[in-house]
N, C-alpha and C. Protein backbone atom coordinates (compact mmCIF):
# COMPACT_ATOMS: atom_id res chain seq x y z
N UNK A 1 -18.59 0.34 20.37
CA UNK A 1 -20.05 0.72 20.02
C UNK A 1 -20.29 2.27 20.30
N UNK A 2 -19.76 2.76 21.50
CA UNK A 2 -20.01 4.09 21.84
C UNK A 2 -19.04 5.28 21.40
N UNK A 3 -17.86 4.83 20.73
CA UNK A 3 -17.07 5.54 20.14
C UNK A 3 -16.70 6.83 21.04
N UNK A 4 -16.51 6.51 22.48
CA UNK A 4 -16.20 7.45 23.36
C UNK A 4 -17.17 8.58 23.57
N UNK A 5 -18.21 8.53 23.02
CA UNK A 5 -19.24 9.59 23.05
C UNK A 5 -19.64 10.02 24.48
N UNK A 6 -19.66 8.93 25.32
CA UNK A 6 -20.19 9.00 26.68
C UNK A 6 -19.24 9.63 27.69
N UNK A 7 -17.98 10.02 27.08
CA UNK A 7 -17.05 10.65 28.04
C UNK A 7 -16.96 12.07 28.15
N UNK A 8 -16.53 12.72 29.13
CA UNK A 8 -16.50 14.12 29.25
C UNK A 8 -15.32 14.55 28.35
N UNK A 9 -15.48 15.84 27.74
CA UNK A 9 -14.38 16.20 26.86
C UNK A 9 -13.04 16.16 27.75
N UNK A 10 -12.91 16.56 28.90
CA UNK A 10 -11.70 16.63 29.66
C UNK A 10 -11.27 15.25 29.65
N UNK A 11 -11.88 14.37 29.68
CA UNK A 11 -11.39 12.83 29.76
C UNK A 11 -10.79 12.26 28.49
N UNK A 12 -11.30 12.66 27.53
CA UNK A 12 -11.02 12.19 26.00
C UNK A 12 -9.48 12.05 25.75
N UNK A 13 -8.62 12.98 26.51
CA UNK A 13 -7.09 13.15 26.48
C UNK A 13 -6.52 12.22 27.35
N UNK A 14 -7.05 11.73 28.31
CA UNK A 14 -6.38 10.50 29.22
C UNK A 14 -5.62 9.72 28.43
N UNK A 15 -4.63 9.38 28.99
CA UNK A 15 -3.57 8.12 28.36
C UNK A 15 -4.31 7.12 27.94
N UNK A 16 -5.12 6.55 28.66
CA UNK A 16 -5.85 5.20 28.33
C UNK A 16 -7.06 5.36 27.27
N UNK A 17 -7.51 6.49 26.95
CA UNK A 17 -8.40 6.82 26.13
C UNK A 17 -7.82 7.55 24.61
N UNK A 18 -7.25 8.51 24.90
CA UNK A 18 -6.43 9.23 23.81
C UNK A 18 -7.31 9.32 22.47
N UNK A 19 -8.47 9.97 22.59
CA UNK A 19 -9.45 10.11 21.39
C UNK A 19 -9.68 11.51 21.18
N UNK A 20 -9.23 12.47 21.95
CA UNK A 20 -9.65 13.67 21.86
C UNK A 20 -9.07 14.37 20.53
N UNK A 21 -7.91 14.15 20.06
CA UNK A 21 -7.43 14.74 18.95
C UNK A 21 -8.17 14.12 17.59
N UNK A 22 -8.69 12.99 17.65
CA UNK A 22 -9.53 12.64 16.60
C UNK A 22 -10.89 13.13 16.44
N UNK A 23 -11.45 13.45 17.46
CA UNK A 23 -12.59 14.28 17.67
C UNK A 23 -12.44 15.71 17.13
N UNK A 24 -11.31 16.24 17.61
CA UNK A 24 -11.09 17.59 17.16
C UNK A 24 -10.73 17.77 15.76
N UNK A 25 -10.28 16.52 15.09
CA UNK A 25 -10.16 16.54 13.46
C UNK A 25 -11.34 16.53 12.98
N UNK A 26 -12.42 16.06 13.52
CA UNK A 26 -13.71 16.00 12.87
C UNK A 26 -14.47 17.38 13.27
N UNK A 27 -13.72 18.37 14.03
CA UNK A 27 -14.35 19.66 13.96
C UNK A 27 -15.08 19.86 15.35
N UNK A 28 -14.87 18.71 16.48
CA UNK A 28 -15.46 19.07 17.66
C UNK A 28 -14.63 19.99 18.50
N UNK A 29 -15.26 20.65 19.60
CA UNK A 29 -14.58 21.42 20.43
C UNK A 29 -15.33 21.21 21.70
N UNK A 30 -14.83 21.66 22.87
CA UNK A 30 -15.52 21.66 24.20
C UNK A 30 -16.74 22.14 24.08
N UNK A 31 -16.95 23.31 23.49
CA UNK A 31 -18.42 23.92 23.37
C UNK A 31 -19.37 23.08 22.60
N UNK A 32 -19.06 22.40 21.41
CA UNK A 32 -20.09 21.64 20.62
C UNK A 32 -20.18 20.20 21.39
N UNK A 33 -19.12 19.66 22.01
CA UNK A 33 -19.27 18.53 22.78
C UNK A 33 -20.11 18.51 23.96
N UNK A 34 -20.22 19.87 24.61
CA UNK A 34 -21.27 20.04 25.58
C UNK A 34 -22.40 20.63 25.21
N UNK A 35 -22.59 20.81 23.93
CA UNK A 35 -23.91 21.31 23.43
C UNK A 35 -24.19 22.65 23.70
N UNK A 36 -23.19 23.52 23.90
CA UNK A 36 -23.34 24.86 23.96
C UNK A 36 -23.32 25.44 22.52
N UNK A 37 -22.81 24.93 21.46
CA UNK A 37 -22.91 25.31 20.15
C UNK A 37 -23.36 24.14 19.29
N UNK A 38 -23.67 24.09 17.98
CA UNK A 38 -24.14 23.21 17.18
C UNK A 38 -22.88 22.32 16.91
N UNK A 39 -23.25 20.99 16.58
CA UNK A 39 -22.16 19.89 16.05
C UNK A 39 -21.49 20.35 14.93
N UNK A 40 -20.32 20.03 14.86
CA UNK A 40 -19.56 20.42 13.45
C UNK A 40 -20.32 19.75 12.29
N UNK A 41 -19.97 20.44 10.99
CA UNK A 41 -20.53 20.07 9.80
C UNK A 41 -20.27 18.53 9.49
N UNK A 42 -19.30 17.95 9.94
CA UNK A 42 -18.95 16.52 9.58
C UNK A 42 -19.97 15.51 10.09
N UNK A 43 -20.86 16.14 11.17
CA UNK A 43 -21.81 15.01 11.40
C UNK A 43 -22.98 14.95 10.47
N UNK A 44 -23.09 15.97 9.49
CA UNK A 44 -24.10 15.89 8.58
C UNK A 44 -23.41 15.08 7.10
N UNK A 45 -22.29 14.71 7.11
CA UNK A 45 -21.69 14.24 5.85
C UNK A 45 -21.70 12.85 5.94
N UNK A 46 -22.00 12.06 4.82
CA UNK A 46 -21.58 10.67 4.56
C UNK A 46 -20.20 10.22 4.76
N UNK A 47 -19.77 9.03 4.73
CA UNK A 47 -18.64 8.43 4.86
C UNK A 47 -17.62 9.09 3.86
N UNK A 48 -18.11 9.08 2.56
CA UNK A 48 -17.24 9.41 1.36
C UNK A 48 -17.17 11.02 1.00
N UNK A 49 -18.08 11.66 1.85
CA UNK A 49 -18.10 13.10 1.76
C UNK A 49 -17.28 13.69 2.73
N UNK A 50 -16.72 13.05 3.84
CA UNK A 50 -15.74 13.31 4.70
C UNK A 50 -14.23 13.57 3.88
N UNK A 51 -13.51 14.44 4.40
CA UNK A 51 -12.13 14.46 3.85
C UNK A 51 -11.44 13.28 4.28
N UNK A 52 -10.16 13.08 3.54
CA UNK A 52 -9.51 11.79 3.74
C UNK A 52 -8.84 12.13 5.25
N UNK A 53 -8.61 13.21 5.82
CA UNK A 53 -8.00 13.45 7.15
C UNK A 53 -9.47 12.97 8.17
N UNK A 54 -10.55 13.42 7.78
CA UNK A 54 -11.64 13.21 8.62
C UNK A 54 -12.06 11.51 8.76
N UNK A 55 -12.09 10.99 7.57
CA UNK A 55 -12.28 9.59 7.48
C UNK A 55 -11.16 8.79 8.34
N UNK A 56 -9.85 9.42 8.25
CA UNK A 56 -8.90 8.80 8.99
C UNK A 56 -9.33 8.98 10.61
N UNK A 57 -9.72 10.16 10.91
CA UNK A 57 -9.80 10.55 12.43
C UNK A 57 -11.16 9.56 12.84
N UNK A 58 -12.30 9.44 12.04
CA UNK A 58 -13.40 8.86 12.22
C UNK A 58 -12.92 7.18 12.42
N UNK A 59 -12.01 6.71 11.65
CA UNK A 59 -11.81 5.45 11.73
C UNK A 59 -10.67 5.15 13.12
N UNK A 60 -10.06 5.99 13.35
CA UNK A 60 -9.25 5.93 14.70
C UNK A 60 -10.48 6.07 15.92
N UNK A 61 -11.45 6.36 15.60
CA UNK A 61 -12.59 6.24 16.62
C UNK A 61 -13.31 5.11 16.44
N UNK A 62 -12.94 4.12 15.65
CA UNK A 62 -13.64 2.84 15.58
C UNK A 62 -14.93 2.92 14.56
N UNK A 63 -15.08 3.96 13.94
CA UNK A 63 -15.99 3.94 12.80
C UNK A 63 -15.50 3.44 11.65
N UNK A 64 -16.38 2.90 10.68
CA UNK A 64 -16.09 2.59 9.15
C UNK A 64 -17.27 2.85 8.50
N UNK A 65 -17.24 2.63 7.10
CA UNK A 65 -18.40 3.26 6.41
C UNK A 65 -19.95 2.74 6.86
N UNK A 66 -20.11 1.58 7.17
CA UNK A 66 -21.40 1.15 7.56
C UNK A 66 -21.73 1.80 8.93
N UNK A 67 -20.74 1.84 9.90
CA UNK A 67 -21.46 2.32 11.18
C UNK A 67 -21.48 3.85 11.12
N UNK A 68 -20.59 4.55 10.34
CA UNK A 68 -20.69 5.97 10.40
C UNK A 68 -22.08 6.40 9.53
N UNK A 69 -22.24 5.59 8.46
CA UNK A 69 -23.66 6.12 7.57
C UNK A 69 -24.74 5.65 8.41
N UNK A 70 -24.61 4.66 9.42
CA UNK A 70 -25.90 4.08 10.10
C UNK A 70 -26.60 3.01 8.86
N UNK A 71 -25.79 2.42 8.15
CA UNK A 71 -26.53 1.48 7.16
C UNK A 71 -25.74 1.73 5.90
N UNK A 72 -26.39 1.01 4.79
CA UNK A 72 -25.81 1.11 3.48
C UNK A 72 -26.18 2.37 2.76
N UNK A 73 -25.43 3.10 2.34
CA UNK A 73 -25.72 4.23 1.38
C UNK A 73 -25.06 3.82 0.00
N UNK A 74 -25.90 3.52 -0.93
CA UNK A 74 -25.30 2.95 -2.13
C UNK A 74 -25.64 3.84 -3.32
N UNK A 75 -25.01 3.95 -4.45
CA UNK A 75 -25.21 4.67 -5.54
C UNK A 75 -25.15 3.65 -6.86
N UNK A 76 -26.41 3.21 -7.03
CA UNK A 76 -26.18 2.20 -8.37
C UNK A 76 -25.67 1.02 -7.91
N UNK A 77 -25.71 0.69 -6.69
CA UNK A 77 -25.19 -0.77 -6.04
C UNK A 77 -23.75 -0.79 -5.69
N UNK A 78 -23.07 0.76 -5.86
CA UNK A 78 -21.79 0.96 -5.35
C UNK A 78 -21.80 1.88 -4.26
N UNK A 79 -20.50 1.87 -3.51
CA UNK A 79 -20.44 2.69 -2.26
C UNK A 79 -20.39 4.27 -2.68
N UNK A 80 -20.37 4.64 -4.03
CA UNK A 80 -20.08 6.00 -4.53
C UNK A 80 -20.39 5.94 -5.95
N UNK A 81 -20.74 6.91 -6.64
CA UNK A 81 -21.01 7.17 -8.00
C UNK A 81 -19.87 6.42 -8.85
N UNK A 82 -20.01 5.76 -9.78
CA UNK A 82 -19.13 4.91 -10.54
C UNK A 82 -18.78 6.09 -11.50
N UNK A 83 -17.31 6.25 -11.69
CA UNK A 83 -16.78 7.08 -12.93
C UNK A 83 -17.06 6.56 -14.34
N UNK A 84 -18.27 6.84 -14.79
CA UNK A 84 -18.57 6.36 -15.96
C UNK A 84 -17.70 6.53 -17.23
N UNK A 85 -17.10 7.71 -17.21
CA UNK A 85 -16.07 8.01 -18.35
C UNK A 85 -14.99 6.96 -18.55
N UNK A 86 -14.63 6.23 -17.31
CA UNK A 86 -13.52 5.40 -17.46
C UNK A 86 -14.12 4.04 -18.17
N UNK A 87 -15.07 3.81 -18.45
CA UNK A 87 -15.67 2.64 -18.90
C UNK A 87 -16.09 2.74 -20.26
N UNK A 88 -15.95 3.87 -20.73
CA UNK A 88 -16.19 4.09 -22.32
C UNK A 88 -14.97 3.73 -23.10
N UNK A 89 -15.24 3.74 -24.50
CA UNK A 89 -14.17 3.45 -25.49
C UNK A 89 -13.15 4.54 -25.64
N UNK A 90 -11.87 4.42 -25.79
CA UNK A 90 -10.89 5.35 -25.79
C UNK A 90 -11.34 6.50 -26.96
N UNK A 91 -11.86 6.13 -28.19
CA UNK A 91 -12.02 7.06 -29.06
C UNK A 91 -13.45 7.71 -28.76
N UNK A 92 -14.04 7.29 -27.80
CA UNK A 92 -15.26 8.29 -27.20
C UNK A 92 -14.72 9.40 -26.26
N UNK A 93 -13.54 9.41 -25.80
CA UNK A 93 -13.22 10.60 -24.90
C UNK A 93 -12.95 11.73 -25.82
N UNK A 94 -12.94 12.82 -25.32
CA UNK A 94 -12.75 14.07 -26.21
C UNK A 94 -11.37 14.20 -26.29
N UNK A 95 -10.72 14.76 -27.23
CA UNK A 95 -9.35 15.04 -27.52
C UNK A 95 -8.62 15.63 -26.30
N UNK A 96 -9.25 16.51 -25.46
CA UNK A 96 -8.42 16.96 -24.19
C UNK A 96 -8.48 15.84 -23.25
N UNK A 97 -9.54 14.91 -22.98
CA UNK A 97 -9.44 14.00 -22.16
C UNK A 97 -8.25 12.92 -22.49
N UNK A 98 -8.11 12.56 -24.06
CA UNK A 98 -7.54 11.61 -24.40
C UNK A 98 -5.95 12.24 -24.11
N UNK A 99 -5.80 13.41 -24.25
CA UNK A 99 -4.49 14.05 -23.96
C UNK A 99 -3.96 13.77 -22.49
N UNK A 100 -4.95 13.94 -21.61
CA UNK A 100 -4.91 13.91 -20.13
C UNK A 100 -4.30 12.24 -20.03
N UNK A 101 -5.26 11.44 -20.37
CA UNK A 101 -5.28 10.12 -20.17
C UNK A 101 -3.73 9.71 -20.69
N UNK A 102 -3.43 10.22 -21.91
CA UNK A 102 -2.08 9.68 -22.51
C UNK A 102 -0.87 10.21 -21.64
N UNK A 103 -1.09 11.37 -20.94
CA UNK A 103 -0.06 11.91 -19.89
C UNK A 103 0.25 10.97 -18.85
N UNK A 104 -0.93 9.98 -18.58
CA UNK A 104 -1.06 9.33 -17.56
C UNK A 104 -0.35 7.75 -17.93
N UNK A 105 -0.02 7.73 -19.27
CA UNK A 105 0.40 6.49 -19.95
C UNK A 105 -0.48 5.53 -20.53
N UNK A 106 -1.67 6.05 -20.62
CA UNK A 106 -2.71 5.34 -21.24
C UNK A 106 -2.68 5.31 -22.71
N UNK A 107 -2.94 4.25 -23.49
CA UNK A 107 -3.14 4.18 -24.96
C UNK A 107 -4.33 3.57 -25.32
N UNK A 108 -4.77 3.41 -26.46
CA UNK A 108 -5.86 2.84 -26.75
C UNK A 108 -6.21 1.54 -26.08
N UNK A 109 -5.05 0.64 -25.97
CA UNK A 109 -5.32 -0.71 -25.63
C UNK A 109 -5.35 -0.71 -24.15
N UNK A 110 -4.49 0.16 -23.58
CA UNK A 110 -4.44 0.00 -21.99
C UNK A 110 -5.86 0.82 -21.39
N UNK A 111 -6.33 1.74 -22.10
CA UNK A 111 -7.60 2.41 -21.82
C UNK A 111 -8.71 1.33 -21.95
N UNK A 112 -8.63 0.59 -22.96
CA UNK A 112 -9.91 -0.21 -23.35
C UNK A 112 -9.84 -1.66 -22.46
N UNK A 113 -8.49 -1.89 -22.05
CA UNK A 113 -8.41 -3.14 -21.40
C UNK A 113 -7.91 -2.81 -19.93
N UNK A 114 -8.69 -3.09 -19.07
CA UNK A 114 -8.53 -2.50 -17.73
C UNK A 114 -7.39 -3.34 -17.01
N UNK A 115 -6.56 -2.51 -16.36
CA UNK A 115 -5.59 -3.23 -15.59
C UNK A 115 -4.35 -3.29 -16.23
N UNK A 116 -4.28 -2.78 -17.47
CA UNK A 116 -2.86 -3.11 -18.19
C UNK A 116 -2.04 -1.81 -17.94
N UNK A 117 -2.40 -0.76 -17.62
CA UNK A 117 -1.56 0.53 -17.51
C UNK A 117 -0.97 0.38 -16.02
N UNK A 118 0.20 0.25 -15.85
CA UNK A 118 0.83 0.24 -14.38
C UNK A 118 0.23 1.39 -13.62
N UNK A 119 -0.29 2.38 -14.03
CA UNK A 119 -0.74 3.44 -13.07
C UNK A 119 -1.86 2.91 -12.20
N UNK A 120 -2.65 2.05 -12.86
CA UNK A 120 -3.75 1.56 -12.39
C UNK A 120 -3.47 0.49 -11.21
N UNK A 121 -2.15 0.23 -10.94
CA UNK A 121 -1.90 -0.53 -9.63
C UNK A 121 -1.45 0.36 -8.47
N UNK A 122 -1.57 1.64 -8.76
CA UNK A 122 -1.17 2.58 -7.75
C UNK A 122 -2.52 3.15 -6.90
N UNK A 123 -2.39 3.32 -5.67
CA UNK A 123 -3.28 3.95 -4.91
C UNK A 123 -3.21 5.44 -5.30
N UNK A 124 -4.11 6.18 -4.98
CA UNK A 124 -4.37 7.67 -5.16
C UNK A 124 -3.07 8.36 -4.56
N UNK A 125 -2.80 8.21 -3.34
CA UNK A 125 -1.69 8.87 -2.69
C UNK A 125 -0.16 8.41 -3.31
N UNK A 126 -0.17 7.48 -4.04
CA UNK A 126 1.27 7.08 -4.69
C UNK A 126 1.23 7.68 -5.95
N UNK A 127 0.32 8.27 -6.60
CA UNK A 127 0.43 8.90 -7.95
C UNK A 127 1.43 10.02 -7.92
N UNK A 128 1.96 10.14 -8.86
CA UNK A 128 2.77 11.32 -9.04
C UNK A 128 1.91 12.70 -9.02
N UNK A 129 2.59 13.83 -8.58
CA UNK A 129 1.70 15.09 -8.82
C UNK A 129 1.21 15.23 -10.11
N UNK A 130 1.86 15.10 -11.29
CA UNK A 130 1.31 15.13 -12.53
C UNK A 130 0.25 14.01 -12.95
N UNK A 131 0.50 12.75 -12.39
CA UNK A 131 -0.42 11.87 -12.61
C UNK A 131 -1.94 12.28 -11.99
N UNK A 132 -1.78 12.71 -10.54
CA UNK A 132 -3.00 12.94 -9.92
C UNK A 132 -3.74 14.18 -10.53
N UNK A 133 -2.90 15.42 -11.05
CA UNK A 133 -3.53 16.46 -11.73
C UNK A 133 -4.27 15.83 -12.88
N UNK A 134 -3.59 15.07 -13.66
CA UNK A 134 -4.47 14.78 -14.90
C UNK A 134 -5.54 13.88 -14.51
N UNK A 135 -5.50 12.93 -13.46
CA UNK A 135 -6.57 12.02 -13.26
C UNK A 135 -7.64 12.79 -12.76
N UNK A 136 -7.34 13.93 -12.02
CA UNK A 136 -8.44 14.95 -11.33
C UNK A 136 -9.08 15.52 -12.43
N UNK A 137 -8.45 15.97 -13.53
CA UNK A 137 -8.96 16.66 -14.58
C UNK A 137 -9.90 15.79 -15.53
N UNK A 138 -9.51 14.41 -15.45
CA UNK A 138 -10.36 13.43 -16.23
C UNK A 138 -11.71 13.15 -15.36
N UNK A 139 -11.66 13.56 -13.94
CA UNK A 139 -12.93 13.23 -13.40
C UNK A 139 -12.79 12.43 -12.16
N UNK A 140 -11.53 11.90 -11.77
CA UNK A 140 -11.26 10.97 -10.73
C UNK A 140 -10.90 11.87 -9.44
N UNK A 141 -11.35 11.25 -8.44
CA UNK A 141 -10.90 11.80 -7.00
C UNK A 141 -10.12 10.65 -6.23
N UNK A 142 -9.68 10.94 -5.18
CA UNK A 142 -9.06 9.89 -4.43
C UNK A 142 -10.02 8.94 -3.84
N UNK A 143 -11.24 9.22 -3.69
CA UNK A 143 -12.10 8.11 -3.25
C UNK A 143 -12.48 7.17 -4.37
N UNK A 144 -12.85 7.72 -5.43
CA UNK A 144 -13.34 6.60 -6.63
C UNK A 144 -11.99 6.11 -7.15
N UNK A 145 -10.94 6.80 -7.30
CA UNK A 145 -9.69 6.00 -7.71
C UNK A 145 -9.26 4.81 -6.93
N UNK A 146 -9.21 4.98 -5.49
CA UNK A 146 -8.91 3.89 -4.68
C UNK A 146 -9.96 2.79 -4.80
N UNK A 147 -11.07 3.05 -4.88
CA UNK A 147 -12.24 2.01 -4.93
C UNK A 147 -12.23 1.41 -6.22
N UNK A 148 -12.66 2.42 -7.35
CA UNK A 148 -12.92 1.51 -8.60
C UNK A 148 -11.74 1.31 -9.36
N UNK A 149 -10.58 1.94 -9.27
CA UNK A 149 -9.30 1.69 -10.02
C UNK A 149 -8.55 0.60 -9.13
N UNK A 150 -8.17 1.01 -8.04
CA UNK A 150 -7.25 0.17 -7.15
C UNK A 150 -8.03 -0.90 -6.42
N UNK A 151 -9.23 -0.67 -6.09
CA UNK A 151 -9.91 -1.59 -5.35
C UNK A 151 -9.45 -1.79 -3.79
N UNK A 152 -8.48 -0.69 -3.53
CA UNK A 152 -7.90 -0.93 -2.26
C UNK A 152 -6.83 -1.92 -2.12
N UNK A 153 -6.45 -2.53 -3.08
CA UNK A 153 -5.26 -3.50 -3.31
C UNK A 153 -3.99 -2.98 -3.04
N UNK A 154 -3.75 -1.88 -2.95
CA UNK A 154 -2.54 -1.33 -2.63
C UNK A 154 -2.41 -0.96 -1.26
N UNK A 155 -3.43 -1.15 -0.34
CA UNK A 155 -3.59 -0.93 1.08
C UNK A 155 -2.91 -2.23 1.74
N UNK A 156 -2.42 -1.89 2.98
CA UNK A 156 -1.83 -2.95 3.67
C UNK A 156 -3.12 -3.52 4.37
N UNK A 157 -2.76 -4.64 4.93
CA UNK A 157 -4.00 -5.22 5.63
C UNK A 157 -4.23 -4.37 6.88
N UNK A 158 -3.29 -3.86 7.55
CA UNK A 158 -3.71 -2.98 8.69
C UNK A 158 -4.52 -1.96 8.39
N UNK A 159 -4.27 -1.24 7.27
CA UNK A 159 -5.08 -0.06 6.64
C UNK A 159 -6.40 -0.63 6.37
N UNK A 160 -6.58 -1.75 5.79
CA UNK A 160 -8.00 -2.32 5.38
C UNK A 160 -8.59 -2.56 6.81
N UNK A 161 -7.82 -2.89 7.89
CA UNK A 161 -8.58 -3.35 9.11
C UNK A 161 -9.17 -1.93 9.73
N UNK A 162 -8.26 -0.79 9.54
CA UNK A 162 -8.50 0.55 9.87
C UNK A 162 -9.96 0.88 9.34
N UNK A 163 -10.24 0.75 8.16
CA UNK A 163 -11.25 1.19 7.40
C UNK A 163 -12.53 0.27 7.28
N UNK A 164 -12.22 -0.90 8.00
CA UNK A 164 -13.22 -1.95 8.13
C UNK A 164 -13.42 -2.51 6.67
N UNK A 165 -12.51 -2.49 5.72
CA UNK A 165 -12.38 -3.13 4.55
C UNK A 165 -11.86 -4.63 4.69
N UNK A 166 -11.20 -5.02 5.70
CA UNK A 166 -10.69 -6.38 6.00
C UNK A 166 -11.95 -7.29 5.99
N UNK A 167 -13.12 -6.73 6.69
CA UNK A 167 -14.15 -7.71 6.65
C UNK A 167 -14.78 -8.09 5.18
N UNK A 168 -14.85 -6.90 4.35
CA UNK A 168 -15.17 -7.17 2.94
C UNK A 168 -14.23 -8.16 2.18
N UNK A 169 -13.10 -7.98 2.30
CA UNK A 169 -12.03 -8.95 1.65
C UNK A 169 -11.91 -10.27 2.31
N UNK A 170 -12.33 -10.23 3.60
CA UNK A 170 -12.52 -11.60 4.33
C UNK A 170 -13.60 -12.43 3.81
N UNK A 171 -14.55 -11.75 3.47
CA UNK A 171 -15.81 -12.43 2.85
C UNK A 171 -15.45 -13.16 1.48
N UNK A 172 -14.41 -12.59 0.84
CA UNK A 172 -13.95 -13.07 -0.47
C UNK A 172 -12.82 -14.07 -0.14
N UNK A 173 -12.59 -14.46 1.17
CA UNK A 173 -11.73 -15.43 1.44
C UNK A 173 -10.12 -14.97 1.80
N UNK A 174 -10.06 -13.59 1.83
CA UNK A 174 -8.67 -13.21 2.12
C UNK A 174 -8.38 -13.05 3.66
N UNK A 175 -7.11 -13.15 4.02
CA UNK A 175 -6.68 -12.78 5.38
C UNK A 175 -5.42 -12.21 5.44
N UNK A 176 -4.96 -12.01 6.57
CA UNK A 176 -3.62 -10.99 6.51
C UNK A 176 -2.52 -11.89 5.91
N UNK A 177 -2.40 -13.13 6.05
CA UNK A 177 -1.42 -13.79 5.58
C UNK A 177 -1.48 -13.88 3.97
N UNK A 178 -2.66 -14.28 3.38
CA UNK A 178 -2.88 -14.27 1.99
C UNK A 178 -2.51 -12.86 1.33
N UNK A 179 -3.13 -11.93 2.05
CA UNK A 179 -2.95 -10.47 1.57
C UNK A 179 -1.46 -10.04 1.48
N UNK A 180 -0.66 -10.47 2.39
CA UNK A 180 0.73 -10.10 2.30
C UNK A 180 1.66 -11.08 1.42
N UNK A 181 0.79 -12.23 0.95
CA UNK A 181 1.80 -13.03 0.04
C UNK A 181 2.35 -14.23 0.88
N UNK A 182 2.15 -14.36 2.18
CA UNK A 182 2.74 -15.43 2.85
C UNK A 182 1.93 -16.69 2.63
N UNK A 183 0.82 -16.65 2.30
CA UNK A 183 0.03 -17.76 1.86
C UNK A 183 -0.62 -17.61 0.57
N UNK A 184 -1.26 -18.61 -0.02
CA UNK A 184 -1.74 -18.41 -1.38
C UNK A 184 -3.00 -17.48 -1.50
N UNK A 185 -3.27 -16.75 -2.51
CA UNK A 185 -4.55 -16.10 -2.61
C UNK A 185 -5.76 -17.07 -2.54
N UNK A 186 -6.91 -16.50 -2.06
CA UNK A 186 -8.15 -17.42 -2.15
C UNK A 186 -8.48 -17.61 -3.44
N UNK A 187 -9.38 -18.73 -3.62
CA UNK A 187 -9.98 -19.01 -5.06
C UNK A 187 -10.58 -18.06 -5.52
N UNK A 188 -11.36 -17.11 -4.79
CA UNK A 188 -12.12 -16.04 -5.43
C UNK A 188 -11.07 -15.08 -6.26
N UNK A 189 -9.90 -15.07 -6.04
CA UNK A 189 -9.10 -14.16 -6.82
C UNK A 189 -8.75 -14.59 -8.11
N UNK A 190 -9.18 -15.98 -8.41
CA UNK A 190 -9.08 -16.37 -9.93
C UNK A 190 -10.41 -16.80 -10.44
N UNK A 191 -11.40 -16.39 -9.50
CA UNK A 191 -12.90 -16.79 -9.98
C UNK A 191 -13.55 -15.72 -10.93
N UNK A 192 -14.22 -16.17 -11.89
CA UNK A 192 -14.97 -15.45 -12.91
C UNK A 192 -16.16 -14.83 -12.03
N UNK A 193 -16.58 -13.64 -12.52
CA UNK A 193 -17.63 -12.92 -11.62
C UNK A 193 -18.93 -13.74 -11.69
N UNK A 194 -19.52 -14.53 -12.78
CA UNK A 194 -20.67 -15.14 -12.58
C UNK A 194 -20.36 -16.51 -11.88
N UNK A 195 -19.10 -16.87 -11.23
CA UNK A 195 -18.87 -17.97 -10.50
C UNK A 195 -18.86 -17.66 -9.14
N UNK A 196 -18.93 -16.38 -8.65
CA UNK A 196 -18.89 -16.00 -7.43
C UNK A 196 -20.41 -16.14 -6.80
N UNK A 197 -20.53 -16.52 -5.49
CA UNK A 197 -21.88 -16.48 -4.97
C UNK A 197 -22.44 -15.14 -4.95
N UNK A 198 -23.82 -15.15 -4.81
CA UNK A 198 -24.55 -13.91 -4.89
C UNK A 198 -24.01 -12.93 -3.82
N UNK A 199 -23.53 -13.44 -2.51
CA UNK A 199 -23.17 -12.80 -1.44
C UNK A 199 -21.85 -12.15 -1.82
N UNK A 200 -20.88 -12.96 -2.37
CA UNK A 200 -19.83 -12.33 -2.91
C UNK A 200 -19.74 -11.30 -3.92
N UNK A 201 -20.58 -11.43 -4.75
CA UNK A 201 -20.80 -10.43 -5.81
C UNK A 201 -21.29 -9.12 -5.23
N UNK A 202 -22.28 -9.16 -4.15
CA UNK A 202 -22.78 -8.13 -3.53
C UNK A 202 -21.80 -7.42 -2.83
N UNK A 203 -20.85 -8.07 -1.89
CA UNK A 203 -19.76 -7.48 -1.29
C UNK A 203 -18.86 -6.89 -2.18
N UNK A 204 -18.41 -7.55 -3.20
CA UNK A 204 -17.38 -7.11 -4.39
C UNK A 204 -17.94 -5.71 -4.76
N UNK A 205 -19.05 -5.51 -5.08
CA UNK A 205 -19.72 -4.24 -5.65
C UNK A 205 -19.87 -3.40 -4.61
N UNK A 206 -20.68 -3.75 -3.56
CA UNK A 206 -21.17 -2.61 -2.50
C UNK A 206 -20.22 -2.05 -1.84
N UNK A 207 -18.91 -2.82 -1.58
CA UNK A 207 -17.99 -2.19 -0.75
C UNK A 207 -16.41 -2.11 -1.47
N UNK A 208 -16.30 -2.74 -2.54
CA UNK A 208 -15.03 -2.77 -3.13
C UNK A 208 -14.92 -2.31 -4.65
N UNK A 209 -16.35 -1.87 -5.06
CA UNK A 209 -16.21 -1.26 -6.49
C UNK A 209 -16.00 -2.35 -7.69
N UNK A 210 -16.18 -3.45 -7.27
CA UNK A 210 -15.93 -4.33 -8.47
C UNK A 210 -17.27 -4.53 -9.15
N UNK A 211 -17.37 -4.71 -10.44
CA UNK A 211 -18.35 -5.27 -11.29
C UNK A 211 -17.92 -5.88 -12.23
N UNK A 212 -18.75 -6.66 -12.85
CA UNK A 212 -18.33 -7.94 -13.76
C UNK A 212 -17.28 -7.47 -14.84
């Protein structure tokens, strides 16, 4: 609840606490911690405005999106802006965009039918350098790729726990055993969008970037 903020700076590095490095990754120093200088810029950023390294540090301090932002910050019902270009028809892409998409293995069919291109089963940091460059040129970033394309499905359960996403998938019936394939996937995995409960649909969209 306190995220170690009540501790003295010199105490943060103690063996039983060991949180100083994470605060430093968020830009804090002994001067800003003790209010001799202004807090670091990270304090003014929302969860998805933080860099990947900063989000990891915040997660190590037991923050996740909801607690860092102090509530839900949604963009059209999603945790970030939806990459609208991904949901248009292949022939509506510009020639240069089609060229970039083709270099990632997309065809008319695999662009228009989501999930057919094997690249969409990868998380951002598993993309090759060429795939990441082309994806970025199309308008993707690590945050919107992992949410809207991968839906964090390539994360381990431990990583989901780190970022608080285990709660979201837990609401859809998942647990560590089913996530790792030790037990069957929950019914929601084969359920049509309109058969999900209103709460399940809300969680799926506001946390995991799913929509119908």
